[in-house]
Amino acid sequence: MTQTASGYDDLVATLNLFAAPAAIEPLAFGTAIDQVGADAYTLTATITVLPFLQPFPLGVFALVGSAAFLALGLQLFRGEQNLSLPNKIRNLTLSLRTRQALVNTCLKIMHFFHRFTKPRLRFLVEGKLGQQMGGFIFLAVGVIVAIPLAGMPFKNLFPSLAVLFYCTGETEHDGLMVIFSLICIVLSVILYSIVLFIAWKFGAAAIHHFFWK
């Protein structure tokens, strides 16, 4: 999954390819992912995390996203170079308009982070260790977003940032982004622990009082 020295430019080109008209429309997600090659993990994770960036609970979709991150994390941790997806996801079709909307959002996020990144601490994003770090982060996020905390706004903020920081670090060869990602994981665990303690100690109504007032 390691990018080349021009990883940012490569991924931008890959995203533009993803958003370009295909010979057969609508395009199957699996076909699109096959075309992007080494960027498949980064692209899939970035697309999957987009719905988690808004403040409202996602319901059942949170479990779908959780399963996706667990699958990504397990494959990365094992060191698998080629992303494998279930047939139901591979056969999911995306219209040109949907792909372009997804790509525009991804590019805006990438351009924002690109201002602050540079190659450093590359051992955290390259080679076997880099893959294992990514695998651990995706697995942790998959577990965290599956925890039901109904009514809590921005419950997925830190896990979402963890994914974006890692994907940015992988693209930009910036190990500092991986450190930020791990910090977000720790903050998520602390926040969720506090919320679960409040629910256990004072009841579910206390969560609504603390986080909505």
C-alpha atoms as a PDB file:
ATOM      1  CA  MET A   1       0.000   0.000   0.000  1.00  0.00           C
ATOM      2  CA  THR A   2       3.025   2.282   0.134  1.00  0.00           C
ATOM      3  CA  GLN A   3       2.758   5.209  -2.277  1.00  0.00           C
ATOM      4  CA  THR A   4       5.507   6.536  -4.481  1.00  0.00           C
ATOM      5  CA  ALA A   5       7.316   9.800  -3.802  1.00  0.00           C
ATOM      6  CA  SER A   6       4.538  11.658  -5.595  1.00  0.00           C
ATOM      7  CA  GLY A   7       1.794   9.872  -3.657  1.00  0.00           C
ATOM      8  CA  TYR A   8      -0.393  12.944  -3.391  1.00  0.00           C
ATOM      9  CA  ASP A   9      -0.334  13.616  -7.136  1.00  0.00           C
ATOM     10  CA  ASP A  10      -0.854   9.924  -7.850  1.00  0.00           C
ATOM     11  CA  LEU A  11      -3.943   9.758  -5.630  1.00  0.00           C
ATOM     12  CA  VAL A  12      -5.383  12.951  -7.136  1.00  0.00           C
ATOM     13  CA  ALA A  13      -4.951  11.396 -10.577  1.00  0.00           C
ATOM     14  CA  THR A  14      -6.540   8.180  -9.324  1.00  0.00           C
ATOM     15  CA  LEU A  15      -9.539  10.058  -7.919  1.00  0.00           C
ATOM     16  CA  ASN A  16     -10.001  11.919 -11.180  1.00  0.00           C
ATOM     17  CA  LEU A  17      -9.914   8.578 -12.987  1.00  0.00           C
ATOM     18  CA  PHE A  18     -12.529   7.265 -10.542  1.00  0.00           C
ATOM     19  CA  ALA A  19     -14.769  10.255 -11.390  1.00  0.00           C
ATOM     20  CA  ALA A  20     -14.322  10.015 -15.158  1.00  0.00           C
ATOM     21  CA  PRO A  21     -17.072   8.570 -17.390  1.00  0.00           C
ATOM     22  CA  ALA A  22     -16.755   4.814 -17.793  1.00  0.00           C
ATOM     23  CA  ALA A  23     -17.471   2.652 -20.814  1.00  0.00           C
ATOM     24  CA  ILE A  24     -20.314   1.048 -18.866  1.00  0.00           C
ATOM     25  CA  GLU A  25     -22.498   3.214 -16.638  1.00  0.00           C
ATOM     26  CA  PRO A  26     -23.337   2.955 -13.803  1.00  0.00           C
ATOM     27  CA  LEU A  27     -19.918   1.618 -12.817  1.00  0.00           C
ATOM     28  CA  ALA A  28     -19.576  -1.271 -10.365  1.00  0.00           C
ATOM     29  CA  PHE A  29     -17.576  -0.324  -7.277  1.00  0.00           C
ATOM     30  CA  GLY A  30     -15.402  -3.424  -7.608  1.00  0.00           C
ATOM     31  CA  THR A  31     -14.466  -2.528 -11.172  1.00  0.00           C
ATOM     32  CA  ALA A  32     -13.527   0.989 -10.116  1.00  0.00           C
ATOM     33  CA  ILE A  33     -11.417  -0.264  -7.216  1.00  0.00           C
ATOM     34  CA  ASP A  34      -9.595  -2.714  -9.500  1.00  0.00           C
ATOM     35  CA  GLN A  35      -8.580   0.229 -11.683  1.00  0.00           C
ATOM     36  CA  VAL A  36      -7.009   2.265  -8.868  1.00  0.00           C
ATOM     37  CA  GLY A  37      -4.542  -0.464  -7.831  1.00  0.00           C
ATOM     38  CA  ALA A  38      -2.321   0.472  -4.870  1.00  0.00           C
ATOM     39  CA  ASP A  39      -4.641   3.315  -3.849  1.00  0.00           C
ATOM     40  CA  ALA A  40      -7.548   0.934  -3.214  1.00  0.00           C
ATOM     41  CA  TYR A  41      -7.194   0.866   0.583  1.00  0.00           C
ATOM     42  CA  THR A  42      -6.815   4.636   0.925  1.00  0.00           C
ATOM     43  CA  LEU A  43      -9.640   5.412  -1.496  1.00  0.00           C
ATOM     44  CA  THR A  44     -12.053   2.887   0.037  1.00  0.00           C
ATOM     45  CA  ALA A  45     -11.339   4.056   3.591  1.00  0.00           C
ATOM     46  CA  THR A  46     -11.752   7.717   2.661  1.00  0.00           C
ATOM     47  CA  ILE A  47     -15.071   7.103   0.898  1.00  0.00           C
ATOM     48  CA  THR A  48     -16.329   4.924   3.756  1.00  0.00           C
ATOM     49  CA  VAL A  49     -15.523   7.523   6.417  1.00  0.00           C
ATOM     50  CA  LEU A  50     -17.317  10.437   4.696  1.00  0.00           C
ATOM     51  CA  PRO A  51     -20.804   9.733   6.200  1.00  0.00           C
ATOM     52  CA  PHE A  52     -19.246   9.582   9.685  1.00  0.00           C
ATOM     53  CA  LEU A  53     -18.099  13.210   9.468  1.00  0.00           C
ATOM     54  CA  GLN A  54     -21.591  14.600  10.124  1.00  0.00           C
ATOM     55  CA  PRO A  55     -22.985  15.016  13.662  1.00  0.00           C
ATOM     56  CA  PHE A  56     -26.034  12.773  13.509  1.00  0.00           C
ATOM     57  CA  PRO A  57     -26.224   9.045  14.397  1.00  0.00           C
ATOM     58  CA  LEU A  58     -26.043   6.738  11.389  1.00  0.00           C
ATOM     59  CA  GLY A  59     -28.089   3.855  12.745  1.00  0.00           C
ATOM     60  CA  VAL A  60     -27.641   0.620  10.826  1.00  0.00           C
ATOM     61  CA  PHE A  61     -25.154   2.240   8.423  1.00  0.00           C
ATOM     62  CA  ALA A  62     -22.726   2.573  11.327  1.00  0.00           C
ATOM     63  CA  LEU A  63     -22.577  -1.232  11.477  1.00  0.00           C
ATOM     64  CA  VAL A  64     -21.985  -1.418   7.726  1.00  0.00           C
ATOM     65  CA  GLY A  65     -19.158   1.094   8.049  1.00  0.00           C
ATOM     66  CA  SER A  66     -17.794  -0.791  11.027  1.00  0.00           C
ATOM     67  CA  ALA A  67     -17.705  -4.042   9.045  1.00  0.00           C
ATOM     68  CA  ALA A  68     -15.929  -2.260   6.186  1.00  0.00           C
ATOM     69  CA  PHE A  69     -13.214  -0.866   8.464  1.00  0.00           C
ATOM     70  CA  LEU A  70     -12.755  -4.234  10.160  1.00  0.00           C
ATOM     71  CA  ALA A  71     -12.325  -5.910   6.762  1.00  0.00           C
ATOM     72  CA  LEU A  72      -9.867  -3.244   5.594  1.00  0.00           C
ATOM     73  CA  GLY A  73      -7.929  -3.402   8.846  1.00  0.00           C
ATOM     74  CA  LEU A  74      -7.659  -7.176   8.896  1.00  0.00           C
ATOM     75  CA  GLN A  75      -6.338  -7.326   5.331  1.00  0.00           C
ATOM     76  CA  LEU A  76      -3.854  -4.517   5.933  1.00  0.00           C
ATOM     77  CA  PHE A  77      -2.620  -6.039   9.174  1.00  0.00           C
ATOM     78  CA  ARG A  78      -2.022  -9.314   7.361  1.00  0.00           C
ATOM     79  CA  GLY A  79       0.046  -7.450   4.787  1.00  0.00           C
ATOM     80  CA  GLU A  80      -2.225  -8.201   1.841  1.00  0.00           C
ATOM     81  CA  GLN A  81      -1.331  -5.948  -1.088  1.00  0.00           C
ATOM     82  CA  ASN A  82      -4.569  -6.317  -3.036  1.00  0.00           C
ATOM     83  CA  LEU A  83      -7.845  -5.271  -1.445  1.00  0.00           C
ATOM     84  CA  SER A  84     -10.490  -7.999  -1.444  1.00  0.00           C
ATOM     85  CA  LEU A  85     -14.163  -7.013  -1.176  1.00  0.00           C
ATOM     86  CA  PRO A  86     -17.355  -9.074  -0.734  1.00  0.00           C
ATOM     87  CA  ASN A  87     -19.313  -9.562  -3.954  1.00  0.00           C
ATOM     88  CA  LYS A  88     -22.241  -7.490  -2.650  1.00  0.00           C
ATOM     89  CA  ILE A  89     -19.952  -4.492  -2.262  1.00  0.00           C
ATOM     90  CA  ARG A  90     -18.076  -5.165  -5.504  1.00  0.00           C
ATOM     91  CA  ASN A  91     -21.358  -5.293  -7.403  1.00  0.00           C
ATOM     92  CA  LEU A  92     -22.636  -2.056  -5.875  1.00  0.00           C
ATOM     93  CA  THR A  93     -23.095   0.395  -8.740  1.00  0.00           C
ATOM     94  CA  LEU A  94     -22.214   4.084  -8.560  1.00  0.00           C
ATOM     95  CA  SER A  95     -23.509   6.597 -11.052  1.00  0.00           C
ATOM     96  CA  LEU A  96     -21.181   9.158 -12.601  1.00  0.00           C
ATOM     97  CA  ARG A  97     -22.854  11.909 -10.564  1.00  0.00           C
ATOM     98  CA  THR A  98     -22.368   9.989  -7.313  1.00  0.00           C
ATOM     99  CA  ARG A  99     -18.716   9.269  -8.089  1.00  0.00           C
ATOM    100  CA  GLN A 100     -18.033  12.882  -8.945  1.00  0.00           C
ATOM    101  CA  ALA A 101     -19.656  14.065  -5.712  1.00  0.00           C
ATOM    102  CA  LEU A 102     -17.563  11.613  -3.686  1.00  0.00           C
ATOM    103  CA  VAL A 103     -14.368  12.588  -5.477  1.00  0.00           C
ATOM    104  CA  ASN A 104     -14.989  16.320  -5.041  1.00  0.00           C
ATOM    105  CA  THR A 105     -15.424  15.814  -1.297  1.00  0.00           C
ATOM    106  CA  CYS A 106     -12.305  13.654  -1.056  1.00  0.00           C
ATOM    107  CA  LEU A 107     -10.260  16.193  -3.003  1.00  0.00           C
ATOM    108  CA  LYS A 108     -11.360  19.038  -0.739  1.00  0.00           C
ATOM    109  CA  ILE A 109     -10.242  17.050   2.311  1.00  0.00           C
ATOM    110  CA  MET A 110      -6.933  16.120   0.680  1.00  0.00           C
ATOM    111  CA  HIS A 111      -6.200  19.692  -0.398  1.00  0.00           C
ATOM    112  CA  PHE A 112      -6.833  20.905   3.157  1.00  0.00           C
ATOM    113  CA  PHE A 113      -4.443  18.408   4.749  1.00  0.00           C
ATOM    114  CA  HIS A 114      -1.872  18.839   1.979  1.00  0.00           C
ATOM    115  CA  ARG A 115      -1.065  22.316   3.338  1.00  0.00           C
ATOM    116  CA  PHE A 116       0.302  20.902   6.587  1.00  0.00           C
ATOM    117  CA  THR A 117       2.021  17.693   5.576  1.00  0.00           C
ATOM    118  CA  LYS A 118       5.483  16.745   4.393  1.00  0.00           C
ATOM    119  CA  PRO A 119       7.578  13.553   4.297  1.00  0.00           C
ATOM    120  CA  ARG A 120       8.769  12.727   7.840  1.00  0.00           C
ATOM    121  CA  LEU A 121       8.856   9.730  10.184  1.00  0.00           C
ATOM    122  CA  ARG A 122       8.373   7.631   7.070  1.00  0.00           C
ATOM    123  CA  PHE A 123       8.942   4.338   8.913  1.00  0.00           C
ATOM    124  CA  LEU A 124       5.421   4.751  10.344  1.00  0.00           C
ATOM    125  CA  VAL A 125       3.781   4.700   6.924  1.00  0.00           C
ATOM    126  CA  GLU A 126       6.061   2.522   4.829  1.00  0.00           C
ATOM    127  CA  GLY A 127       6.779  -1.185   4.683  1.00  0.00           C
ATOM    128  CA  LYS A 128       5.352  -3.832   6.972  1.00  0.00           C
ATOM    129  CA  LEU A 129       5.155  -1.537   9.999  1.00  0.00           C
ATOM    130  CA  GLY A 130       3.208   1.033   7.992  1.00  0.00           C
ATOM    131  CA  GLN A 131       0.687  -1.602   6.929  1.00  0.00           C
ATOM    132  CA  GLN A 132       0.326  -2.922  10.460  1.00  0.00           C
ATOM    133  CA  MET A 133      -0.213   0.599  11.805  1.00  0.00           C
ATOM    134  CA  GLY A 134      -2.935   1.141   9.231  1.00  0.00           C
ATOM    135  CA  GLY A 135      -4.458  -2.232  10.000  1.00  0.00           C
ATOM    136  CA  PHE A 136      -4.533  -1.491  13.727  1.00  0.00           C
ATOM    137  CA  ILE A 137      -6.103   1.947  13.170  1.00  0.00           C
ATOM    138  CA  PHE A 138      -8.831   0.607  10.868  1.00  0.00           C
ATOM    139  CA  LEU A 139      -9.584  -2.283  13.219  1.00  0.00           C
ATOM    140  CA  ALA A 140      -9.818   0.079  16.195  1.00  0.00           C
ATOM    141  CA  VAL A 141     -12.102   2.437  14.286  1.00  0.00           C
ATOM    142  CA  GLY A 142     -14.269  -0.487  13.190  1.00  0.00           C
ATOM    143  CA  VAL A 143     -14.816  -1.496  16.817  1.00  0.00           C
ATOM    144  CA  ILE A 144     -15.369   2.060  18.084  1.00  0.00           C
ATOM    145  CA  VAL A 145     -17.979   3.164  15.533  1.00  0.00           C
ATOM    146  CA  ALA A 146     -19.997   0.001  16.209  1.00  0.00           C
ATOM    147  CA  ILE A 147     -20.537   0.999  19.858  1.00  0.00           C
ATOM    148  CA  PRO A 148     -24.140   2.263  20.153  1.00  0.00           C
ATOM    149  CA  LEU A 149     -24.315   5.691  21.767  1.00  0.00           C
ATOM    150  CA  ALA A 150     -27.693   6.872  20.508  1.00  0.00           C
ATOM    151  CA  GLY A 151     -28.314  10.577  20.784  1.00  0.00           C
ATOM    152  CA  MET A 152     -24.699  11.607  21.221  1.00  0.00           C
ATOM    153  CA  PRO A 153     -23.691  14.190  18.587  1.00  0.00           C
ATOM    154  CA  PHE A 154     -20.336  13.906  16.834  1.00  0.00           C
ATOM    155  CA  LYS A 155     -19.769  10.494  18.422  1.00  0.00           C
ATOM    156  CA  ASN A 156     -17.719   9.461  15.409  1.00  0.00           C
ATOM    157  CA  LEU A 157     -15.625  12.628  15.107  1.00  0.00           C
ATOM    158  CA  PHE A 158     -12.384  11.276  16.572  1.00  0.00           C
ATOM    159  CA  PRO A 159     -12.600   7.874  14.813  1.00  0.00           C
ATOM    160  CA  SER A 160     -13.254   9.673  11.516  1.00  0.00           C
ATOM    161  CA  LEU A 161     -10.262  11.941  12.027  1.00  0.00           C
ATOM    162  CA  ALA A 162      -8.155   8.880  12.846  1.00  0.00           C
ATOM    163  CA  VAL A 163      -8.963   7.421   9.424  1.00  0.00           C
ATOM    164  CA  LEU A 164      -8.358  10.699   7.597  1.00  0.00           C
ATOM    165  CA  PHE A 165      -5.057  11.308   9.388  1.00  0.00           C
ATOM    166  CA  TYR A 166      -3.805   7.837   8.532  1.00  0.00           C
ATOM    167  CA  CYS A 167      -4.889   8.051   4.888  1.00  0.00           C
ATOM    168  CA  THR A 168      -3.241  11.461   4.622  1.00  0.00           C
ATOM    169  CA  GLY A 169      -0.058  10.169   6.231  1.00  0.00           C
ATOM    170  CA  GLU A 170       0.036   7.215   3.856  1.00  0.00           C
ATOM    171  CA  THR A 171      -0.449   9.439   0.838  1.00  0.00           C
ATOM    172  CA  GLU A 172       1.995  12.146   1.930  1.00  0.00           C
ATOM    173  CA  HIS A 173       4.601   9.843   3.529  1.00  0.00           C
ATOM    174  CA  ASP A 174       3.990  11.736   6.775  1.00  0.00           C
ATOM    175  CA  GLY A 175       4.350   9.573   9.870  1.00  0.00           C
ATOM    176  CA  LEU A 176       3.316  12.481  12.076  1.00  0.00           C
ATOM    177  CA  MET A 177      -0.200  12.057  10.708  1.00  0.00           C
ATOM    178  CA  VAL A 178      -0.152   8.472  11.977  1.00  0.00           C
ATOM    179  CA  ILE A 179       0.740   9.743  15.446  1.00  0.00           C
ATOM    180  CA  PHE A 180      -2.208  12.153  15.253  1.00  0.00           C
ATOM    181  CA  SER A 181      -4.366   9.217  14.174  1.00  0.00           C
ATOM    182  CA  LEU A 182      -3.321   7.176  17.204  1.00  0.00           C
ATOM    183  CA  ILE A 183      -4.034  10.172  19.455  1.00  0.00           C
ATOM    184  CA  CYS A 184      -7.559  10.308  18.007  1.00  0.00           C
ATOM    185  CA  ILE A 185      -7.997   6.606  18.803  1.00  0.00           C
ATOM    186  CA  VAL A 186      -6.929   7.221  22.415  1.00  0.00           C
ATOM    187  CA  LEU A 187      -9.265  10.237  22.690  1.00  0.00           C
ATOM    188  CA  SER A 188     -12.108   8.117  21.299  1.00  0.00           C
ATOM    189  CA  VAL A 189     -11.513   5.426  23.907  1.00  0.00           C
ATOM    190  CA  ILE A 190     -11.410   8.029  26.688  1.00  0.00           C
ATOM    191  CA  LEU A 191     -14.587   9.776  25.476  1.00  0.00           C
ATOM    192  CA  TYR A 192     -16.518   6.547  24.997  1.00  0.00           C
ATOM    193  CA  SER A 193     -15.388   5.306  28.403  1.00  0.00           C
ATOM    194  CA  ILE A 194     -16.656   8.493  30.042  1.00  0.00           C
ATOM    195  CA  VAL A 195     -20.010   8.269  28.250  1.00  0.00           C
ATOM    196  CA  LEU A 196     -20.469   4.596  29.104  1.00  0.00           C
ATOM    197  CA  PHE A 197     -19.549   5.305  32.732  1.00  0.00           C
ATOM    198  CA  ILE A 198     -22.129   8.108  32.873  1.00  0.00           C
ATOM    199  CA  ALA A 199     -24.753   5.787  31.389  1.00  0.00           C
ATOM    200  CA  TRP A 200     -23.891   3.055  33.897  1.00  0.00           C
ATOM    201  CA  LYS A 201     -23.727   5.382  36.881  1.00  0.00           C
ATOM    202  CA  PHE A 202     -26.575   7.785  36.210  1.00  0.00           C
ATOM    203  CA  GLY A 203     -28.662   6.244  33.454  1.00  0.00           C
ATOM    204  CA  ALA A 204     -29.094   6.919  29.745  1.00  0.00           C
ATOM    205  CA  ALA A 205     -30.966  10.177  30.400  1.00  0.00           C
ATOM    206  CA  ALA A 206     -27.754  11.628  31.850  1.00  0.00           C
ATOM    207  CA  ILE A 207     -26.029  11.279  28.466  1.00  0.00           C
ATOM    208  CA  HIS A 208     -28.717  13.412  26.866  1.00  0.00           C
ATOM    209  CA  HIS A 209     -28.303  16.008  29.627  1.00  0.00           C
ATOM    210  CA  PHE A 210     -24.500  16.174  29.406  1.00  0.00           C
ATOM    211  CA  PHE A 211     -24.127  16.150  25.619  1.00  0.00           C
ATOM    212  CA  TRP A 212     -27.181  18.053  24.386  1.00  0.00           C
ATOM    213  CA  LYS A 213     -27.357  20.880  26.963  1.00  0.00           C
END
